Amino acid sequence: MYLCQQKKMSQQETVSHEGVITKITDDTLEIKILAQSACAACHAKSACGMGEQAEKILTVPKPKGQTFQLLQPVEVVMSLGQGNKAAVLAYLIPIVILLVVLFACLGFGLGEGWSALLGIAALIPYYIVLYLCRDKLGKKFEYKVFTKKQKNSL
């Protein structure tokens, strides 16, 4: 079972995901995790149909001096602050861009359809810049990968 947990480790709050290694290269590990919404763990989710689960693939730098195997269960940990930074880049900034352009266009008298279309089109440069800066951004996010043996010895 894959879980997302928030816990306090050595006075720093962290977010952790359990997953399985799906690909190993010289420098990176690809880890499949199962991201769950809050209601995904609810027992009544089948009755209401609101449960949401999605498999995600994380590509993280391979820790030096450790050996890994395909399909090995691991835990990926990052600080809560880094998780918040990722959420801002992925969700908050795009919605602010969308809403600013939408309301500016409506304020200038454009119709709702054109305003919505321009609001969505305004996101294209943002995502292009994110894509071009992916290597630089990737270096700002630090993941720690623990095997089950390492976690039990801590």
C-alpha atoms as a PDB file:
ATOM      1  CA  MET A   1       0.000   0.000   0.000  1.00  0.00           C
ATOM      2  CA  TYR A   2       1.286   3.448  -0.895  1.00  0.00           C
ATOM      3  CA  LEU A   3       0.692   6.231   1.569  1.00  0.00           C
ATOM      4  CA  CYS A   4       1.419   9.913   1.880  1.00  0.00           C
ATOM      5  CA  GLN A   5       2.347  10.875   5.391  1.00  0.00           C
ATOM      6  CA  GLN A   6       3.238  14.089   7.097  1.00  0.00           C
ATOM      7  CA  LYS A   7       5.508  13.683  10.096  1.00  0.00           C
ATOM      8  CA  LYS A   8       8.126  15.429  12.153  1.00  0.00           C
ATOM      9  CA  MET A   9      11.668  14.129  11.716  1.00  0.00           C
ATOM     10  CA  SER A  10      14.564  15.748  13.548  1.00  0.00           C
ATOM     11  CA  GLN A  11      12.633  18.955  14.236  1.00  0.00           C
ATOM     12  CA  GLN A  12      11.735  19.412  10.551  1.00  0.00           C
ATOM     13  CA  GLU A  13       8.333  18.514   9.172  1.00  0.00           C
ATOM     14  CA  THR A  14       8.479  16.228   6.173  1.00  0.00           C
ATOM     15  CA  VAL A  15       6.181  14.730   3.589  1.00  0.00           C
ATOM     16  CA  SER A  16       6.815  11.118   2.675  1.00  0.00           C
ATOM     17  CA  HIS A  17       5.493   8.752   0.053  1.00  0.00           C
ATOM     18  CA  GLU A  18       5.985   5.024  -0.092  1.00  0.00           C
ATOM     19  CA  GLY A  19       6.660   3.695  -3.543  1.00  0.00           C
ATOM     20  CA  VAL A  20       8.404   1.158  -5.733  1.00  0.00           C
ATOM     21  CA  ILE A  21      11.493   1.656  -7.897  1.00  0.00           C
ATOM     22  CA  THR A  22      10.564   1.224 -11.559  1.00  0.00           C
ATOM     23  CA  LYS A  23      13.771   2.352 -13.309  1.00  0.00           C
ATOM     24  CA  ILE A  24      17.397   2.766 -12.261  1.00  0.00           C
ATOM     25  CA  THR A  25      20.024   4.776 -14.159  1.00  0.00           C
ATOM     26  CA  ASP A  26      23.540   5.811 -13.158  1.00  0.00           C
ATOM     27  CA  ASP A  27      22.315   9.092 -11.662  1.00  0.00           C
ATOM     28  CA  THR A  28      18.577   8.754 -11.039  1.00  0.00           C
ATOM     29  CA  LEU A  29      15.819   6.535  -9.720  1.00  0.00           C
ATOM     30  CA  GLU A  30      12.279   6.491 -11.056  1.00  0.00           C
ATOM     31  CA  ILE A  31       9.858   5.719  -8.255  1.00  0.00           C
ATOM     32  CA  LYS A  32       6.165   4.977  -8.750  1.00  0.00           C
ATOM     33  CA  ILE A  33       3.979   6.315  -5.974  1.00  0.00           C
ATOM     34  CA  LEU A  34       0.233   6.280  -5.545  1.00  0.00           C
ATOM     35  CA  ALA A  35      -0.960   9.810  -4.817  1.00  0.00           C
ATOM     36  CA  GLN A  36      -4.235   9.841  -2.927  1.00  0.00           C
ATOM     37  CA  SER A  37      -6.706  12.583  -2.197  1.00  0.00           C
ATOM     38  CA  ALA A  38      -7.946  12.872   1.370  1.00  0.00           C
ATOM     39  CA  CYS A  39     -11.038  10.841   0.603  1.00  0.00           C
ATOM     40  CA  ALA A  40      -9.153   8.038  -1.152  1.00  0.00           C
ATOM     41  CA  ALA A  41      -8.627   6.289   2.178  1.00  0.00           C
ATOM     42  CA  CYS A  42     -12.277   6.713   3.205  1.00  0.00           C
ATOM     43  CA  HIS A  43     -14.318   3.529   3.525  1.00  0.00           C
ATOM     44  CA  ALA A  44     -17.366   5.172   1.951  1.00  0.00           C
ATOM     45  CA  LYS A  45     -15.587   6.340  -1.212  1.00  0.00           C
ATOM     46  CA  SER A  46     -17.225   3.702  -3.394  1.00  0.00           C
ATOM     47  CA  ALA A  47     -20.663   4.911  -2.370  1.00  0.00           C
ATOM     48  CA  CYS A  48     -20.035   8.585  -3.098  1.00  0.00           C
ATOM     49  CA  GLY A  49     -17.636   8.205  -6.029  1.00  0.00           C
ATOM     50  CA  MET A  50     -15.459  11.089  -4.868  1.00  0.00           C
ATOM     51  CA  GLY A  51     -12.301   9.086  -4.084  1.00  0.00           C
ATOM     52  CA  GLU A  52      -9.308   9.955  -6.230  1.00  0.00           C
ATOM     53  CA  GLN A  53      -6.058   8.060  -6.711  1.00  0.00           C
ATOM     54  CA  ALA A  54      -3.395   8.541  -9.330  1.00  0.00           C
ATOM     55  CA  GLU A  55      -0.074   6.859  -9.952  1.00  0.00           C
ATOM     56  CA  LYS A  56       2.804   9.309 -10.169  1.00  0.00           C
ATOM     57  CA  ILE A  57       6.374   8.742 -11.292  1.00  0.00           C
ATOM     58  CA  LEU A  58       9.053  10.685  -9.411  1.00  0.00           C
ATOM     59  CA  THR A  59      12.534  10.974 -10.870  1.00  0.00           C
ATOM     60  CA  VAL A  60      14.948  11.578  -8.013  1.00  0.00           C
ATOM     61  CA  PRO A  61      18.738  11.710  -7.817  1.00  0.00           C
ATOM     62  CA  LYS A  62      20.229   8.345  -6.877  1.00  0.00           C
ATOM     63  CA  PRO A  63      21.802   8.521  -3.405  1.00  0.00           C
ATOM     64  CA  LYS A  64      25.552   7.948  -3.477  1.00  0.00           C
ATOM     65  CA  GLY A  65      26.902   4.761  -1.926  1.00  0.00           C
ATOM     66  CA  GLN A  66      23.578   2.914  -1.934  1.00  0.00           C
ATOM     67  CA  THR A  67      22.439   0.068  -4.133  1.00  0.00           C
ATOM     68  CA  PHE A  68      18.870  -0.349  -5.304  1.00  0.00           C
ATOM     69  CA  GLN A  69      16.912  -2.986  -7.186  1.00  0.00           C
ATOM     70  CA  LEU A  70      13.949  -2.809  -9.521  1.00  0.00           C
ATOM     71  CA  LEU A  71      10.588  -3.162  -7.737  1.00  0.00           C
ATOM     72  CA  GLN A  72      12.261  -2.505  -4.373  1.00  0.00           C
ATOM     73  CA  PRO A  73       9.908  -0.747  -1.924  1.00  0.00           C
ATOM     74  CA  VAL A  74      11.263   2.620  -0.772  1.00  0.00           C
ATOM     75  CA  GLU A  75      10.127   5.756   1.013  1.00  0.00           C
ATOM     76  CA  VAL A  76      10.697   9.162  -0.606  1.00  0.00           C
ATOM     77  CA  VAL A  77      10.924  12.058   1.856  1.00  0.00           C
ATOM     78  CA  MET A  78      11.056  15.817   1.281  1.00  0.00           C
ATOM     79  CA  SER A  79      10.677  18.755   3.623  1.00  0.00           C
ATOM     80  CA  LEU A  80       7.233  20.291   3.994  1.00  0.00           C
ATOM     81  CA  GLY A  81       8.616  23.654   2.871  1.00  0.00           C
ATOM     82  CA  GLN A  82       9.760  22.155  -0.424  1.00  0.00           C
ATOM     83  CA  GLY A  83       6.369  20.522  -0.861  1.00  0.00           C
ATOM     84  CA  ASN A  84       4.726  23.898  -0.337  1.00  0.00           C
ATOM     85  CA  LYS A  85       7.080  25.504  -2.887  1.00  0.00           C
ATOM     86  CA  ALA A  86       6.140  22.828  -5.419  1.00  0.00           C
ATOM     87  CA  ALA A  87       2.429  23.454  -4.777  1.00  0.00           C
ATOM     88  CA  VAL A  88       2.890  27.192  -5.307  1.00  0.00           C
ATOM     89  CA  LEU A  89       4.680  26.620  -8.636  1.00  0.00           C
ATOM     90  CA  ALA A  90       2.203  24.001  -9.834  1.00  0.00           C
ATOM     91  CA  TYR A  91      -1.117  25.420  -8.632  1.00  0.00           C
ATOM     92  CA  LEU A  92      -1.081  28.886  -7.064  1.00  0.00           C
ATOM     93  CA  ILE A  93       0.892  30.856  -9.661  1.00  0.00           C
ATOM     94  CA  PRO A  94      -1.036  29.407 -12.645  1.00  0.00           C
ATOM     95  CA  ILE A  95      -4.422  30.148 -11.065  1.00  0.00           C
ATOM     96  CA  VAL A  96      -3.329  33.715 -10.242  1.00  0.00           C
ATOM     97  CA  ILE A  97      -2.157  34.242 -13.849  1.00  0.00           C
ATOM     98  CA  LEU A  98      -5.404  32.808 -15.172  1.00  0.00           C
ATOM     99  CA  LEU A  99      -7.613  34.953 -12.934  1.00  0.00           C
ATOM    100  CA  VAL A 100      -5.642  38.184 -13.474  1.00  0.00           C
ATOM    101  CA  VAL A 101      -5.799  37.821 -17.264  1.00  0.00           C
ATOM    102  CA  LEU A 102      -9.453  36.749 -17.154  1.00  0.00           C
ATOM    103  CA  PHE A 103     -10.611  39.701 -15.052  1.00  0.00           C
ATOM    104  CA  ALA A 104      -8.384  42.177 -16.912  1.00  0.00           C
ATOM    105  CA  CYS A 105      -9.897  41.085 -20.220  1.00  0.00           C
ATOM    106  CA  LEU A 106     -13.409  41.300 -18.802  1.00  0.00           C
ATOM    107  CA  GLY A 107     -12.559  44.749 -17.440  1.00  0.00           C
ATOM    108  CA  PHE A 108     -11.492  45.884 -20.929  1.00  0.00           C
ATOM    109  CA  GLY A 109     -14.843  44.772 -22.282  1.00  0.00           C
ATOM    110  CA  LEU A 110     -13.929  41.518 -23.993  1.00  0.00           C
ATOM    111  CA  GLY A 111     -16.553  38.805 -23.976  1.00  0.00           C
ATOM    112  CA  GLU A 112     -16.445  35.942 -21.503  1.00  0.00           C
ATOM    113  CA  GLY A 113     -15.373  33.385 -24.111  1.00  0.00           C
ATOM    114  CA  TRP A 114     -12.431  35.438 -25.377  1.00  0.00           C
ATOM    115  CA  SER A 115     -11.434  36.351 -21.834  1.00  0.00           C
ATOM    116  CA  ALA A 116     -11.393  32.714 -20.786  1.00  0.00           C
ATOM    117  CA  LEU A 117      -9.445  31.719 -23.897  1.00  0.00           C
ATOM    118  CA  LEU A 118      -6.835  34.446 -23.317  1.00  0.00           C
ATOM    119  CA  GLY A 119      -6.600  33.465 -19.646  1.00  0.00           C
ATOM    120  CA  ILE A 120      -5.773  29.894 -20.613  1.00  0.00           C
ATOM    121  CA  ALA A 121      -3.413  31.061 -23.381  1.00  0.00           C
ATOM    122  CA  ALA A 122      -1.541  33.188 -20.819  1.00  0.00           C
ATOM    123  CA  LEU A 123      -0.510  29.984 -19.057  1.00  0.00           C
ATOM    124  CA  ILE A 124       1.450  28.758 -22.081  1.00  0.00           C
ATOM    125  CA  PRO A 125       4.456  31.071 -21.511  1.00  0.00           C
ATOM    126  CA  TYR A 126       4.456  30.202 -17.801  1.00  0.00           C
ATOM    127  CA  TYR A 127       4.638  26.476 -18.499  1.00  0.00           C
ATOM    128  CA  ILE A 128       7.294  27.017 -21.184  1.00  0.00           C
ATOM    129  CA  VAL A 129       9.432  28.910 -18.663  1.00  0.00           C
ATOM    130  CA  LEU A 130       8.903  26.152 -16.076  1.00  0.00           C
ATOM    131  CA  TYR A 131       9.934  23.554 -18.655  1.00  0.00           C
ATOM    132  CA  LEU A 132      13.052  25.501 -19.631  1.00  0.00           C
ATOM    133  CA  CYS A 133      14.003  25.921 -15.954  1.00  0.00           C
ATOM    134  CA  ARG A 134      13.291  22.289 -15.010  1.00  0.00           C
ATOM    135  CA  ASP A 135      16.934  21.391 -14.381  1.00  0.00           C
ATOM    136  CA  LYS A 136      17.523  24.458 -12.213  1.00  0.00           C
ATOM    137  CA  LEU A 137      14.266  23.888 -10.339  1.00  0.00           C
ATOM    138  CA  GLY A 138      15.045  20.192  -9.912  1.00  0.00           C
ATOM    139  CA  LYS A 139      18.227  21.073  -8.040  1.00  0.00           C
ATOM    140  CA  LYS A 140      16.235  23.145  -5.532  1.00  0.00           C
ATOM    141  CA  PHE A 141      14.148  20.159  -4.474  1.00  0.00           C
ATOM    142  CA  GLU A 142      15.972  17.673  -2.286  1.00  0.00           C
ATOM    143  CA  TYR A 143      14.562  14.184  -1.925  1.00  0.00           C
ATOM    144  CA  LYS A 144      15.780  11.520   0.457  1.00  0.00           C
ATOM    145  CA  VAL A 145      15.202   7.888  -0.473  1.00  0.00           C
ATOM    146  CA  PHE A 146      15.070   5.258   2.263  1.00  0.00           C
ATOM    147  CA  THR A 147      14.804   1.531   1.859  1.00  0.00           C
ATOM    148  CA  LYS A 148      12.810  -0.452   4.416  1.00  0.00           C
ATOM    149  CA  LYS A 149      16.053  -1.621   6.071  1.00  0.00           C
ATOM    150  CA  GLN A 150      17.344   1.944   6.429  1.00  0.00           C
ATOM    151  CA  LYS A 151      14.043   3.181   7.835  1.00  0.00           C
ATOM    152  CA  ASN A 152      13.940   0.439  10.466  1.00  0.00           C
ATOM    153  CA  SER A 153      17.520   1.186  11.565  1.00  0.00           C
ATOM    154  CA  LEU A 154      16.792   4.908  12.171  1.00  0.00           C
END
